[in-house]
Amino acid sequence: MAVYKRRYNSYTGSLTPQWSRFFVLTRFAFADLFKSRFFVLLLILCIVPCLFAAGYIFVANNKTLQLLMQLRSDMDLFKVESQYFIVIMMVQTQAAFLLNCWVGPVLIAGDLTNGALPLFLSRPFSRTDYVLGKLAVLGLLLSAVTWVPCLLLFGLQSGLARNGWIWSHLWMVVPIVLSSAIWILTLSLLSLAVSAWVKLRIVATGIIFITFFIPAGLGEMFNAIMSTIWGRLLNFSYMFQLIVSHGFREESGRLARRGWDEIPIPAAWGSLICLCLLALVILNARLRARETVRG
């Protein structure tokens, strides 16, 4: 049949459901990430502390092993309570920070550098879908090294412990999930915002580090000048530690000695939420399809 006799119609085949369409970007992003041996090695290293934590739980619930280690029953060296999970949360969230610094800066920068964003938005794919697809990459990765292993450790302790340990400690599931969620959201949105404006990975990683150190120093300068405590709201890492400590009904000794526990918990949550909103504003200003006309 001659070409001029053909009738060209728009595509009427099946489409990916609207609610899960953003996972297309997530799937291809994971495929690219796992091609890097360094990324796989970094991901494994982020899980290693959980293996030692699992060994600690096993020893804490095995009296025979403690006797073989020649530990007296009154020493009480192995104790799995809220303070134990606070330490695990702090270690894993710092591991998540390092993983985020490697993965986040390249998620959007490559698309903007190569002019791929108009191609995405010219299809049945909105800017919200694009951001959700990139955000899901970091959300799933950081979840794999924060609240997921913490809940697995909680389940291990529940299975090995006796005297109804799980029922008296079930409340700890809520702070594990909520504190991890705010930290993951903060890191993810911040790294995506930086990736949208900075092309070089090393520069973007440096900016992410600076975001957690420079505002903290400025906040302490403000406190010294104004004789107040509210400048500490700019120290996002310590605001997260404050949220975790109060979530587990523990007063962190270091925070208490420095007077950081004077900051109300809603204010600490508000500090991290404001950082997330600022990152969204910056991201929204950058993610716009632009047509270049030459002539």
Protein backbone atom coordinates (compact mmCIF):
# COMPACT_ATOMS: atom_id res chain seq x y z
CA MET A 1 0.00 0.00 0.00
CA ALA A 2 1.31 3.43 -0.91
CA VAL A 3 2.37 5.69 1.94
CA TYR A 4 -0.06 8.45 1.00
CA LYS A 5 -2.97 6.01 1.31
CA ARG A 6 -2.14 5.16 4.92
CA ARG A 7 -4.05 6.84 7.69
CA TYR A 8 -2.01 7.67 10.79
CA ASN A 9 -3.93 7.68 14.05
CA SER A 10 -2.89 8.38 17.58
CA TYR A 11 -1.86 5.49 19.79
CA THR A 12 -4.88 3.78 21.33
CA GLY A 13 -3.19 0.80 23.01
CA SER A 14 -2.87 0.08 26.68
CA LEU A 15 -1.19 2.55 29.02
CA THR A 16 0.37 2.17 32.42
CA PRO A 17 -2.20 3.08 35.10
CA GLN A 18 -2.00 6.72 36.14
CA TRP A 19 -1.42 5.98 39.83
CA SER A 20 1.70 3.85 39.17
CA ARG A 21 3.09 5.57 36.08
CA PHE A 22 5.89 7.25 38.00
CA PHE A 23 7.36 3.82 38.84
CA VAL A 24 8.58 3.62 35.24
CA LEU A 25 11.25 6.20 36.07
CA THR A 26 12.03 4.42 39.33
CA ARG A 27 12.55 1.09 37.60
CA PHE A 28 14.98 2.46 35.01
CA ALA A 29 16.82 4.51 37.64
CA PHE A 30 17.40 1.37 39.73
CA ALA A 31 18.65 -0.45 36.64
CA ASP A 32 21.27 2.25 36.09
CA LEU A 33 22.27 2.37 39.75
CA PHE A 34 22.91 -1.35 40.08
CA LYS A 35 25.28 -1.24 37.12
CA SER A 36 27.74 0.58 39.40
CA ARG A 37 29.89 -1.70 41.54
CA PHE A 38 30.68 1.13 43.92
CA PHE A 39 26.98 1.69 44.57
CA VAL A 40 26.43 -2.01 45.31
CA LEU A 41 29.45 -2.00 47.66
CA LEU A 42 28.18 1.13 49.42
CA LEU A 43 24.72 -0.37 49.84
CA ILE A 44 26.21 -3.52 51.37
CA LEU A 45 28.35 -1.46 53.76
CA CYS A 46 25.24 0.41 54.90
CA ILE A 47 23.67 -2.89 55.94
CA VAL A 48 26.74 -4.23 57.79
CA PRO A 49 25.98 -2.41 61.11
CA CYS A 50 22.64 -4.21 61.24
CA LEU A 51 24.43 -7.55 61.14
CA PHE A 52 26.44 -6.61 64.22
CA ALA A 53 23.24 -5.36 65.86
CA ALA A 54 21.56 -8.70 65.14
CA GLY A 55 24.53 -10.48 66.73
CA TYR A 56 24.16 -8.28 69.80
CA ILE A 57 20.50 -9.27 70.11
CA PHE A 58 21.38 -12.94 69.79
CA VAL A 59 23.96 -12.70 72.59
CA ALA A 60 21.60 -10.65 74.78
CA ASN A 61 19.00 -13.41 74.67
CA ASN A 62 21.33 -16.38 74.97
CA LYS A 63 22.34 -17.01 78.59
CA THR A 64 24.50 -20.00 77.61
CA LEU A 65 26.60 -17.87 75.30
CA GLN A 66 26.97 -15.23 77.99
CA LEU A 67 28.26 -17.90 80.40
CA LEU A 68 30.76 -19.05 77.79
CA MET A 69 31.94 -15.44 77.54
CA GLN A 70 32.43 -15.55 81.33
CA LEU A 71 29.99 -12.73 82.02
CA ARG A 72 28.39 -12.47 85.44
CA SER A 73 24.62 -12.30 85.62
CA ASP A 74 24.74 -8.99 87.52
CA MET A 75 26.81 -7.19 84.86
CA ASP A 76 23.82 -6.63 82.55
CA LEU A 77 26.00 -5.65 79.59
CA PHE A 78 23.50 -6.82 77.01
CA LYS A 79 20.21 -5.00 77.20
CA VAL A 80 17.85 -4.38 74.29
CA GLU A 81 15.66 -1.44 75.21
CA SER A 82 14.82 1.97 73.75
CA GLN A 83 18.40 3.25 74.06
CA TYR A 84 19.58 0.36 71.90
CA PHE A 85 17.19 1.29 69.09
CA ILE A 86 18.15 4.96 69.38
CA VAL A 87 21.78 4.03 68.70
CA ILE A 88 20.79 1.81 65.77
CA MET A 89 18.60 4.57 64.33
CA MET A 90 21.42 7.11 64.55
CA VAL A 91 23.90 4.78 62.88
CA GLN A 92 21.55 3.81 60.07
CA THR A 93 20.37 7.34 59.37
CA GLN A 94 23.99 8.46 58.99
CA ALA A 95 24.54 5.56 56.60
CA ALA A 96 21.44 6.72 54.71
CA PHE A 97 22.93 10.22 54.53
CA LEU A 98 26.09 8.87 52.84
CA LEU A 99 24.03 6.75 50.44
CA ASN A 100 21.88 9.74 49.60
CA CYS A 101 24.94 11.89 48.87
CA TRP A 102 26.06 9.36 46.24
CA VAL A 103 22.72 8.62 44.58
CA GLY A 104 20.75 11.87 44.84
CA PRO A 105 22.96 14.32 42.91
CA VAL A 106 22.70 12.37 39.63
CA LEU A 107 18.96 11.64 39.50
CA ILE A 108 17.83 14.87 37.84
CA ALA A 109 21.06 16.54 36.69
CA GLY A 110 21.51 14.13 33.77
CA ASP A 111 17.99 14.71 32.44
CA LEU A 112 18.34 18.49 32.55
CA THR A 113 21.84 18.48 31.06
CA ASN A 114 20.77 16.34 28.09
CA GLY A 115 17.46 18.15 27.59
CA ALA A 116 15.36 15.10 28.40
CA LEU A 117 12.77 16.84 30.58
CA PRO A 118 10.64 18.13 27.61
CA LEU A 119 10.58 14.55 26.28
CA PHE A 120 9.17 13.28 29.56
CA LEU A 121 6.57 16.03 29.85
CA SER A 122 5.44 15.68 26.22
CA ARG A 123 4.03 12.28 27.13
CA PRO A 124 1.14 11.44 29.53
CA PHE A 125 3.53 12.21 32.35
CA SER A 126 3.20 15.24 34.62
CA ARG A 127 5.86 17.07 36.62
CA THR A 128 4.38 15.50 39.74
CA ASP A 129 4.86 12.04 38.25
CA TYR A 130 8.44 12.92 37.36
CA VAL A 131 9.27 14.11 40.88
CA LEU A 132 7.51 11.12 42.46
CA GLY A 133 9.44 8.74 40.22
CA LYS A 134 12.78 10.22 41.28
CA LEU A 135 11.67 10.56 44.90
CA ALA A 136 10.66 6.89 45.01
CA VAL A 137 14.23 5.89 44.11
CA LEU A 138 15.65 7.58 47.19
CA GLY A 139 12.68 6.64 49.34
CA LEU A 140 13.05 2.93 48.64
CA LEU A 141 16.84 2.96 48.96
CA LEU A 142 16.92 4.90 52.21
CA SER A 143 14.08 2.84 53.64
CA ALA A 144 16.16 -0.27 52.98
CA VAL A 145 18.86 1.02 55.35
CA THR A 146 16.75 2.80 58.00
CA TRP A 147 13.33 1.72 59.25
CA VAL A 148 13.16 -1.64 57.42
CA PRO A 149 16.26 -3.15 59.10
CA CYS A 150 15.25 -1.55 62.41
CA LEU A 151 11.87 -3.28 62.24
CA LEU A 152 13.59 -6.54 61.34
CA LEU A 153 15.80 -6.17 64.42
CA PHE A 154 12.71 -5.41 66.47
CA GLY A 155 11.10 -8.58 65.13
CA LEU A 156 14.24 -10.59 65.91
CA GLN A 157 14.27 -9.31 69.48
CA SER A 158 10.55 -10.04 69.81
CA GLY A 159 11.08 -13.61 68.67
CA LEU A 160 14.03 -14.29 70.98
CA ALA A 161 12.89 -12.39 74.07
CA ARG A 162 10.58 -13.81 76.68
CA ASN A 163 7.98 -12.59 79.19
CA GLY A 164 5.91 -10.76 76.59
CA TRP A 165 8.64 -8.32 75.54
CA ILE A 166 6.86 -7.49 72.28
CA TRP A 167 3.67 -6.25 73.97
CA SER A 168 5.49 -3.95 76.36
CA HIS A 169 7.66 -2.51 73.56
CA LEU A 170 5.26 -2.47 70.62
CA TRP A 171 4.99 1.32 70.88
CA MET A 172 8.55 1.65 69.53
CA VAL A 173 7.36 0.78 66.02
CA VAL A 174 5.76 4.24 65.68
CA PRO A 175 8.89 6.35 66.41
CA ILE A 176 11.02 4.04 64.24
CA VAL A 177 8.76 4.61 61.22
CA LEU A 178 7.91 8.29 61.77
CA SER A 179 11.43 9.50 62.56
CA SER A 180 12.82 7.57 59.60
CA ALA A 181 10.12 9.00 57.33
CA ILE A 182 10.92 12.64 58.11
CA TRP A 183 14.66 12.02 57.70
CA ILE A 184 14.17 10.20 54.37
CA LEU A 185 11.87 12.92 53.06
CA THR A 186 14.28 15.66 54.11
CA LEU A 187 17.31 14.03 52.51
CA SER A 188 15.45 13.07 49.34
CA LEU A 189 13.90 16.45 48.61
CA LEU A 190 17.13 18.28 49.45
CA SER A 191 19.24 16.10 47.15
CA LEU A 192 16.71 16.36 44.31
CA ALA A 193 16.64 20.15 44.63
CA VAL A 194 20.43 20.30 44.53
CA SER A 195 20.54 17.86 41.61
CA ALA A 196 18.16 20.08 39.64
CA TRP A 197 20.52 23.07 39.88
CA VAL A 198 24.02 21.58 40.03
CA LYS A 199 25.41 19.37 37.27
CA LEU A 200 28.62 18.07 38.84
CA ARG A 201 28.20 15.28 41.41
CA ILE A 202 31.12 16.37 43.59
CA VAL A 203 29.80 19.93 43.81
CA ALA A 204 26.25 18.75 44.54
CA THR A 205 27.52 16.41 47.27
CA GLY A 206 29.46 19.29 48.81
CA ILE A 207 26.34 21.47 48.84
CA ILE A 208 24.36 18.75 50.61
CA PHE A 209 27.06 18.53 53.29
CA ILE A 210 27.18 22.33 53.60
CA THR A 211 23.41 22.46 54.12
CA PHE A 212 23.82 20.50 57.35
CA PHE A 213 26.90 22.33 58.67
CA ILE A 214 26.83 26.02 57.64
CA PRO A 215 23.28 26.77 58.91
CA ALA A 216 24.17 25.06 62.21
CA GLY A 217 27.15 27.39 62.65
CA LEU A 218 25.07 30.44 61.75
CA GLY A 219 22.44 29.34 64.25
CA GLU A 220 25.01 29.17 67.04
CA MET A 221 26.28 32.64 66.11
CA PHE A 222 22.70 33.92 66.30
CA ASN A 223 22.31 32.32 69.74
CA ALA A 224 25.49 33.93 71.02
CA ILE A 225 24.53 37.37 69.74
CA MET A 226 20.85 37.33 70.73
CA SER A 227 21.20 35.17 73.89
CA THR A 228 18.54 32.75 72.72
CA ILE A 229 18.18 29.07 71.85
CA TRP A 230 16.08 29.28 68.70
CA GLY A 231 19.07 29.44 66.38
CA ARG A 232 19.51 25.72 67.03
CA LEU A 233 16.55 25.09 64.76
CA LEU A 234 18.99 25.51 61.88
CA ASN A 235 20.96 22.49 63.05
CA PHE A 236 18.90 19.91 61.21
CA SER A 237 20.91 16.88 62.33
CA TYR A 238 20.40 17.68 66.01
CA MET A 239 16.75 18.45 65.46
CA PHE A 240 16.41 14.94 64.08
CA GLN A 241 18.27 13.51 67.07
CA LEU A 242 15.90 15.41 69.34
CA ILE A 243 12.91 13.92 67.54
CA VAL A 244 14.32 10.40 67.85
CA SER A 245 15.21 10.80 71.55
CA HIS A 246 11.78 12.06 72.52
CA GLY A 247 10.07 9.55 70.23
CA PHE A 248 11.68 6.72 72.17
CA ARG A 249 10.80 8.37 75.51
CA GLU A 250 14.50 8.87 76.23
CA GLU A 251 16.31 12.04 77.15
CA SER A 252 19.63 11.98 75.35
CA GLY A 253 22.33 12.79 77.89
CA ARG A 254 24.39 14.80 75.44
CA LEU A 255 21.42 16.89 74.34
CA ALA A 256 20.36 17.49 77.94
CA ARG A 257 23.85 18.60 79.00
CA ARG A 258 24.00 21.12 76.18
CA GLY A 259 20.50 22.41 76.86
CA TRP A 260 19.22 21.29 73.47
CA ASP A 261 16.26 19.54 75.04
CA GLU A 262 14.77 22.99 75.64
CA ILE A 263 13.65 23.08 72.00
CA PRO A 264 10.00 21.92 71.79
CA ILE A 265 9.42 18.80 69.73
CA PRO A 266 6.84 20.49 67.43
CA ALA A 267 9.47 23.14 66.65
CA ALA A 268 12.00 20.43 65.74
CA TRP A 269 9.46 18.82 63.42
CA GLY A 270 8.65 22.23 61.96
CA SER A 271 12.33 22.88 61.23
CA LEU A 272 12.67 19.74 59.11
CA ILE A 273 9.30 20.27 57.42
CA CYS A 274 10.27 23.84 56.47
CA LEU A 275 13.48 22.50 54.92
CA CYS A 276 11.39 20.05 52.88
CA LEU A 277 9.06 22.83 51.70
CA LEU A 278 12.01 25.03 50.73
CA ALA A 279 13.49 22.17 48.70
CA LEU A 280 10.12 21.70 46.95
CA VAL A 281 9.97 25.40 46.01
CA ILE A 282 13.50 25.26 44.59
CA LEU A 283 12.70 22.07 42.70
CA ASN A 284 9.49 23.51 41.28
CA ALA A 285 11.33 26.58 39.99
CA ARG A 286 13.78 24.42 38.05
CA LEU A 287 11.61 21.64 36.64
CA ARG A 288 9.93 23.45 33.78
CA ALA A 289 9.95 22.35 30.17
CA ARG A 290 11.47 25.02 27.94
CA GLU A 291 11.44 25.14 24.17
CA THR A 292 14.50 26.54 22.43
CA VAL A 293 13.76 28.30 19.10
CA ARG A 294 16.67 28.83 16.74
CA GLY A 295 16.59 30.88 13.66
